[in-house]
Protein backbone atom coordinates (compact mmCIF):
# COMPACT_ATOMS: atom_id res chain seq x y z
CA UNK A 1 -9.74 21.17 -15.07
CA UNK A 2 -12.33 19.74 -18.09
CA UNK A 3 -11.51 16.41 -19.76
CA UNK A 4 -10.31 18.14 -22.99
CA UNK A 5 -7.28 20.00 -20.73
CA UNK A 6 -6.01 16.48 -19.20
CA UNK A 7 -3.11 14.53 -20.62
CA UNK A 8 -3.00 13.11 -23.52
CA UNK A 9 -2.21 9.36 -23.24
CA UNK A 10 -2.65 9.51 -19.50
CA UNK A 11 -2.67 6.72 -17.25
CA UNK A 12 -6.07 5.12 -16.82
CA UNK A 13 -5.00 3.04 -13.57
CA UNK A 14 -3.44 3.37 -10.29
CA UNK A 15 -2.14 1.38 -7.50
CA UNK A 16 -2.88 3.49 -4.71
CA UNK A 17 -1.74 1.32 -1.94
CA UNK A 18 -1.57 0.68 0.84
CA UNK A 19 2.05 0.11 1.83
CA UNK A 20 3.30 -3.22 2.66
CA UNK A 21 0.54 -5.04 1.28
CA UNK A 22 1.84 -6.50 -1.65
CA UNK A 23 2.30 -3.66 -4.24
CA UNK A 24 5.86 -4.01 -5.64
CA UNK A 25 4.46 -7.69 -6.64
CA UNK A 26 1.51 -5.84 -7.49
CA UNK A 27 3.59 -3.95 -9.80
CA UNK A 28 5.68 -6.76 -11.48
CA UNK A 29 2.83 -8.68 -12.23
CA UNK A 30 0.71 -5.77 -13.90
CA UNK A 31 4.37 -5.01 -15.82
CA UNK A 32 3.98 -8.24 -17.34
CA UNK A 33 0.55 -7.89 -19.39
CA UNK A 34 1.51 -6.83 -22.83
CA UNK A 35 -1.44 -4.30 -23.00
CA UNK A 36 -0.08 -2.45 -20.03
CA UNK A 37 2.43 0.10 -19.95
CA UNK A 38 4.13 1.22 -16.72
CA UNK A 39 7.03 2.91 -15.43
CA UNK A 40 10.36 1.00 -15.13
CA UNK A 41 10.31 1.81 -11.10
CA UNK A 42 7.46 1.73 -9.38
CA UNK A 43 6.47 4.64 -7.30
CA UNK A 44 6.63 7.68 -8.97
CA UNK A 45 5.18 9.94 -6.11
CA UNK A 46 4.27 12.66 -8.24
CA UNK A 47 0.59 13.10 -6.78
CA UNK A 48 1.63 13.18 -3.25
CA UNK A 49 4.87 14.93 -3.17
CA UNK A 50 5.15 18.40 -3.38
CA UNK A 51 9.04 18.64 -5.11
CA UNK A 52 7.77 16.13 -7.71
CA UNK A 53 4.45 17.60 -8.09
CA UNK A 54 6.07 20.76 -8.74
CA UNK A 55 7.95 19.44 -12.01
CA UNK A 56 4.64 19.27 -13.71
CA UNK A 57 2.68 16.87 -16.42
CA UNK A 58 5.47 16.36 -18.32
CA UNK A 59 7.65 15.29 -15.92
CA UNK A 60 5.21 12.81 -14.95
CA UNK A 61 4.31 10.94 -18.52
CA UNK A 62 8.60 11.38 -18.95
CA UNK A 63 8.14 8.45 -16.09
CA UNK A 64 6.29 5.98 -18.77
CA UNK A 65 8.00 4.38 -21.77
CA UNK A 66 7.46 6.64 -24.62
CA UNK A 67 7.52 3.74 -27.09
CA UNK A 68 4.45 1.59 -26.24
CA UNK A 69 1.18 4.29 -27.45
CA UNK A 70 -1.18 1.56 -27.52
CA UNK A 71 -0.99 0.22 -24.09
CA UNK A 72 -2.92 0.94 -21.32
CA UNK A 73 -0.64 3.52 -18.89
CA UNK A 74 -0.56 2.93 -15.25
CA UNK A 75 1.01 3.16 -11.93
CA UNK A 76 1.70 1.89 -8.55
CA UNK A 77 2.56 4.28 -5.58
CA UNK A 78 1.06 2.90 -2.14
CA UNK A 79 1.75 6.18 -0.48
CA UNK A 80 -1.25 7.96 -2.25
CA UNK A 81 -3.84 5.98 -0.36
CA UNK A 82 -2.13 7.90 2.68
CA UNK A 83 -4.65 10.98 2.95
CA UNK A 84 -6.38 11.19 6.27
CA UNK A 85 -4.76 13.17 9.11
CA UNK A 86 -3.71 11.28 11.64
CA UNK A 87 -6.29 10.66 14.79
CA UNK A 88 -5.35 12.29 17.89
CA UNK A 89 -3.99 9.14 19.77
CA UNK A 90 -1.35 8.86 17.39
CA UNK A 91 1.22 11.42 17.41
CA UNK A 92 2.65 12.07 13.77
CA UNK A 93 4.00 15.04 11.77
CA UNK A 94 1.49 14.77 8.73
CA UNK A 95 2.36 16.30 5.65
CA UNK A 96 -0.77 18.34 4.62
CA UNK A 97 0.17 18.18 1.22
CA UNK A 98 -1.05 14.67 0.95
CA UNK A 99 -4.40 15.37 1.90
CA UNK A 100 -5.35 16.81 -1.60
CA UNK A 101 -3.92 13.67 -3.33
CA UNK A 102 -7.09 12.55 -4.50
CA UNK A 103 -8.38 15.98 -5.73
CA UNK A 104 -4.70 16.22 -7.97
CA UNK A 105 -5.40 12.91 -9.21
CA UNK A 106 -9.15 13.74 -10.28
CA UNK A 107 -8.19 16.87 -11.75
CA UNK A 108 -5.17 15.61 -13.72
CA UNK A 109 -6.50 12.05 -14.61
CA UNK A 110 -10.19 12.34 -14.62
CA UNK A 111 -13.14 10.90 -12.89
CA UNK A 112 -13.00 7.37 -15.42
CA UNK A 113 -9.69 6.52 -13.91
CA UNK A 114 -9.31 3.13 -12.10
CA UNK A 115 -7.85 2.71 -8.68
CA UNK A 116 -6.95 -0.41 -7.17
CA UNK A 117 -6.37 -1.09 -3.15
CA UNK A 118 -4.52 -4.10 -1.38
CA UNK A 119 -5.25 -4.05 2.03
CA UNK A 120 -3.50 -6.25 4.85
CA UNK A 121 -4.51 -6.79 8.52
CA UNK A 122 -3.43 -3.60 9.88
CA UNK A 123 -1.40 -5.34 13.04
CA UNK A 124 0.38 -7.45 10.50
CA UNK A 125 1.21 -4.47 8.02
CA UNK A 126 2.33 -2.66 10.95
CA UNK A 127 4.83 -5.08 12.17
CA UNK A 128 6.13 -5.54 8.39
CA UNK A 129 6.59 -1.70 7.99
CA UNK A 130 8.33 -1.70 11.68
CA UNK A 131 10.50 -4.66 9.74
CA UNK A 132 11.25 -2.39 6.53
CA UNK A 133 12.44 0.78 8.63
CA UNK A 134 14.47 -1.23 11.40
CA UNK A 135 16.08 -3.09 8.38
CA UNK A 136 17.17 0.29 6.93
CA UNK A 137 18.78 1.36 9.98
CA UNK A 138 16.16 3.95 11.32
CA UNK A 139 15.65 2.57 14.60
CA UNK A 140 18.73 3.08 16.57
CA UNK A 141 16.97 3.59 19.97
CA UNK A 142 15.76 0.74 22.57
CA UNK A 143 13.94 -1.94 20.12
CA UNK A 144 11.18 -2.63 22.85
CA UNK A 145 9.55 0.83 22.41
CA UNK A 146 5.53 1.07 21.84
CA UNK A 147 6.57 4.46 20.25
CA UNK A 148 8.49 3.06 17.15
CA UNK A 149 4.71 2.49 15.92
CA UNK A 150 3.93 6.03 15.90
CA UNK A 151 6.83 6.87 13.81
CA UNK A 152 7.32 6.97 9.92
CA UNK A 153 3.59 6.72 9.73
CA UNK A 154 3.67 3.02 10.81
CA UNK A 155 0.45 2.85 12.30
CA UNK A 156 -1.40 5.74 10.68
CA UNK A 157 -1.15 4.23 7.04
CA UNK A 158 -3.11 1.41 9.01
CA UNK A 159 -6.00 3.47 9.68
CA UNK A 160 -7.88 2.19 6.15
CA UNK A 161 -10.94 3.50 6.54
CA UNK A 162 -10.01 7.13 7.43
CA UNK A 163 -8.19 6.94 3.89
CA UNK A 164 -10.62 5.30 2.09
CA UNK A 165 -13.54 7.40 3.52
CA UNK A 166 -11.33 10.52 2.03
CA UNK A 167 -10.78 9.13 -1.50
CA UNK A 168 -14.37 8.19 -1.69
CA UNK A 169 -15.13 11.72 -1.13
CA UNK A 170 -13.68 12.20 -4.37
CA UNK A 171 -14.05 9.30 -6.50
CA UNK A 172 -17.64 7.02 -6.61
CA UNK A 173 -16.76 3.41 -5.29
CA UNK A 174 -17.27 1.72 -8.50
CA UNK A 175 -13.94 2.87 -9.60
CA UNK A 176 -12.40 1.20 -7.18
CA UNK A 177 -11.38 -2.52 -6.97
CA UNK A 178 -10.42 -3.70 -3.22
CA UNK A 179 -8.17 -6.75 -2.58
CA UNK A 180 -7.16 -8.30 0.58
CA UNK A 181 -3.55 -9.27 0.83
CA UNK A 182 -4.21 -12.48 2.58
CA UNK A 183 -6.78 -13.77 0.17
CA UNK A 184 -4.60 -13.07 -2.89
CA UNK A 185 -1.54 -15.21 -1.40
CA UNK A 186 -4.42 -18.07 -1.22
CA UNK A 187 -5.61 -17.44 -4.79
CA UNK A 188 -3.43 -15.87 -7.10
CA UNK A 189 -4.99 -17.20 -10.00
CA UNK A 190 -8.61 -15.71 -8.80
CA UNK A 191 -6.61 -12.45 -8.29
CA UNK A 192 -5.35 -12.38 -11.87
CA UNK A 193 -8.47 -12.81 -13.89
CA UNK A 194 -10.15 -10.31 -11.66
CA UNK A 195 -7.55 -7.67 -12.01
CA UNK A 196 -7.11 -7.80 -15.45
CA UNK A 197 -10.87 -7.87 -16.11
CA UNK A 198 -11.06 -4.53 -13.89
CA UNK A 199 -8.66 -2.94 -15.95
CA UNK A 200 -10.23 -4.00 -19.47
CA UNK A 201 -7.36 -6.30 -20.67
CA UNK A 202 -7.42 -10.19 -21.43
CA UNK A 203 -6.17 -12.24 -18.79
CA UNK A 204 -3.06 -14.21 -18.93
CA UNK A 205 -2.28 -17.60 -18.08
CA UNK A 206 1.67 -17.45 -17.96
CA UNK A 207 2.15 -14.89 -15.05
CA UNK A 208 5.56 -15.41 -13.85
CA UNK A 209 5.56 -15.17 -9.99
CA UNK A 210 9.08 -15.34 -9.13
CA UNK A 211 8.99 -11.81 -7.91
CA UNK A 212 9.56 -11.57 -4.07
CA UNK A 213 7.77 -9.39 -1.76
CA UNK A 214 10.44 -7.16 -0.55
CA UNK A 215 12.09 -9.30 2.24
CA UNK A 216 14.47 -8.27 4.60
CA UNK A 217 14.21 -10.53 7.36
CA UNK A 218 12.31 -13.45 7.92
CA UNK A 219 9.91 -13.64 11.06
CA UNK A 220 6.76 -15.43 12.64
CA UNK A 221 4.27 -13.98 14.87
CA UNK A 222 4.66 -16.53 18.27
CA UNK A 223 2.57 -16.45 21.54
CA UNK A 224 5.99 -15.07 22.75
CA UNK A 225 5.51 -11.92 20.14
CA UNK A 226 7.05 -11.64 16.77
CA UNK A 227 10.41 -13.69 16.87
CA UNK A 228 13.18 -13.08 13.94
CA UNK A 229 14.31 -16.37 12.22
CA UNK A 230 16.71 -14.84 9.76
CA UNK A 231 18.44 -11.32 8.27
CA UNK A 232 19.64 -10.77 4.79
CA UNK A 233 22.46 -9.10 3.88
CA UNK A 234 20.66 -5.93 2.24
CA UNK A 235 19.75 -4.77 5.42
CA UNK A 236 21.54 -1.65 6.58
CA UNK A 237 24.64 -2.40 9.28
CA UNK A 238 22.94 -0.20 11.51
CA UNK A 239 19.58 -2.33 11.71
CA UNK A 240 18.87 -3.76 15.08
CA UNK A 241 17.26 -6.63 13.79
CA UNK A 242 19.05 -10.33 14.66
CA UNK A 243 17.80 -13.91 14.45
CA UNK A 244 16.27 -15.01 17.74
CA UNK A 245 15.22 -11.66 18.82
CA UNK A 246 11.64 -10.78 20.07
CA UNK A 247 11.24 -7.54 17.80
CA UNK A 248 7.40 -7.13 19.11
CA UNK A 249 6.43 -8.08 22.71
CA UNK A 250 2.81 -9.44 23.09
CA UNK A 251 2.16 -6.21 24.71
CA UNK A 252 2.68 -4.23 21.60
CA UNK A 253 0.58 -6.21 19.80
CA UNK A 254 -2.35 -5.68 21.95
CA UNK A 255 -1.43 -1.82 21.67
CA UNK A 256 -1.79 -2.44 17.85
CA UNK A 257 -5.16 -4.10 18.26
CA UNK A 258 -6.63 -1.46 20.06
CA UNK A 259 -5.44 1.56 18.25
CA UNK A 260 -7.02 -0.44 15.05
CA UNK A 261 -9.92 -2.23 16.49
CA UNK A 262 -12.32 1.07 15.80
CA UNK A 263 -10.83 2.08 12.26
CA UNK A 264 -11.31 -1.88 11.12
CA UNK A 265 -14.90 -2.24 12.53
CA UNK A 266 -16.09 0.87 10.45
CA UNK A 267 -14.14 -0.48 7.56
CA UNK A 268 -16.12 -3.55 7.53
CA UNK A 269 -19.28 -1.49 7.15
CA UNK A 270 -18.32 -0.38 3.94
CA UNK A 271 -18.21 -3.99 2.34
CA UNK A 272 -15.64 -3.78 0.29
CA UNK A 273 -13.76 -6.69 0.47
CA UNK A 274 -13.87 -10.02 3.09
CA UNK A 275 -12.04 -8.95 6.18
CA UNK A 276 -12.64 -12.28 7.76
CA UNK A 277 -9.27 -13.66 8.01
CA UNK A 278 -8.46 -10.64 10.23
CA UNK A 279 -9.94 -11.88 12.68
CA UNK A 280 -7.55 -13.49 15.17
CA UNK A 281 -6.89 -9.82 15.60
CA UNK A 282 -10.11 -8.46 15.82
CA UNK A 283 -12.85 -10.81 17.29
CA UNK A 284 -15.55 -8.42 15.88
CA UNK A 285 -15.05 -9.81 12.69
CA UNK A 286 -15.58 -13.67 13.65
């Protein structure tokens, strides 16, 4: 597709992932800027969902407010990052339609698109994803089971280097801005300045930071594993999560460390952001 055939007033930026890395909060932050226009609801899933994609470009543009023509359009769909087939050690039925997401985005939105990627220690991300799915009642079998991390792409989504490498096959590195969730939480003002500068809009000094991260249960990592301290009413009645439960054992944490370590080392070699805050799980980063 040539530039002249691309969408008029098309999105100029996308937040592409990763899931459970603060993208709901990112969407809320970007929505507050008077020079940006995002869909009211996060996650259009246009480019990574075959049914949505079949509706065509006009459907996609209908997801954006049509009364803000002077604003830069963009959206946040964290599933867009999830594009590489799973490695042999992860048994998961990967939808091959996902693998061409970067190419579809390039064809419709062009090579000048700006791409935002938020990453998180993949062990913590996998735990958060498990809590998310469990709170929705999607795990009704025995909770202490390594296979739970094979389901719903929980472990596969944390193979960041594999997914980012696919994206870098399509878009040059300078079209991306990478952030580590752990750094953003510590210095949000620096993040605001960086992200708005990247998007080419003035900085905001009055960002409302009261949009909570998606939270279904409070938990903490302890020497005995991941301990649930509190659950909230919005979780499914089928949820197996209960206060006082150990929901991820030390052995399961070690399993996650093992399946992520090689990918993390490759990711670190890309030098896209400082991964040193992950060193408690990956000693090679120390």
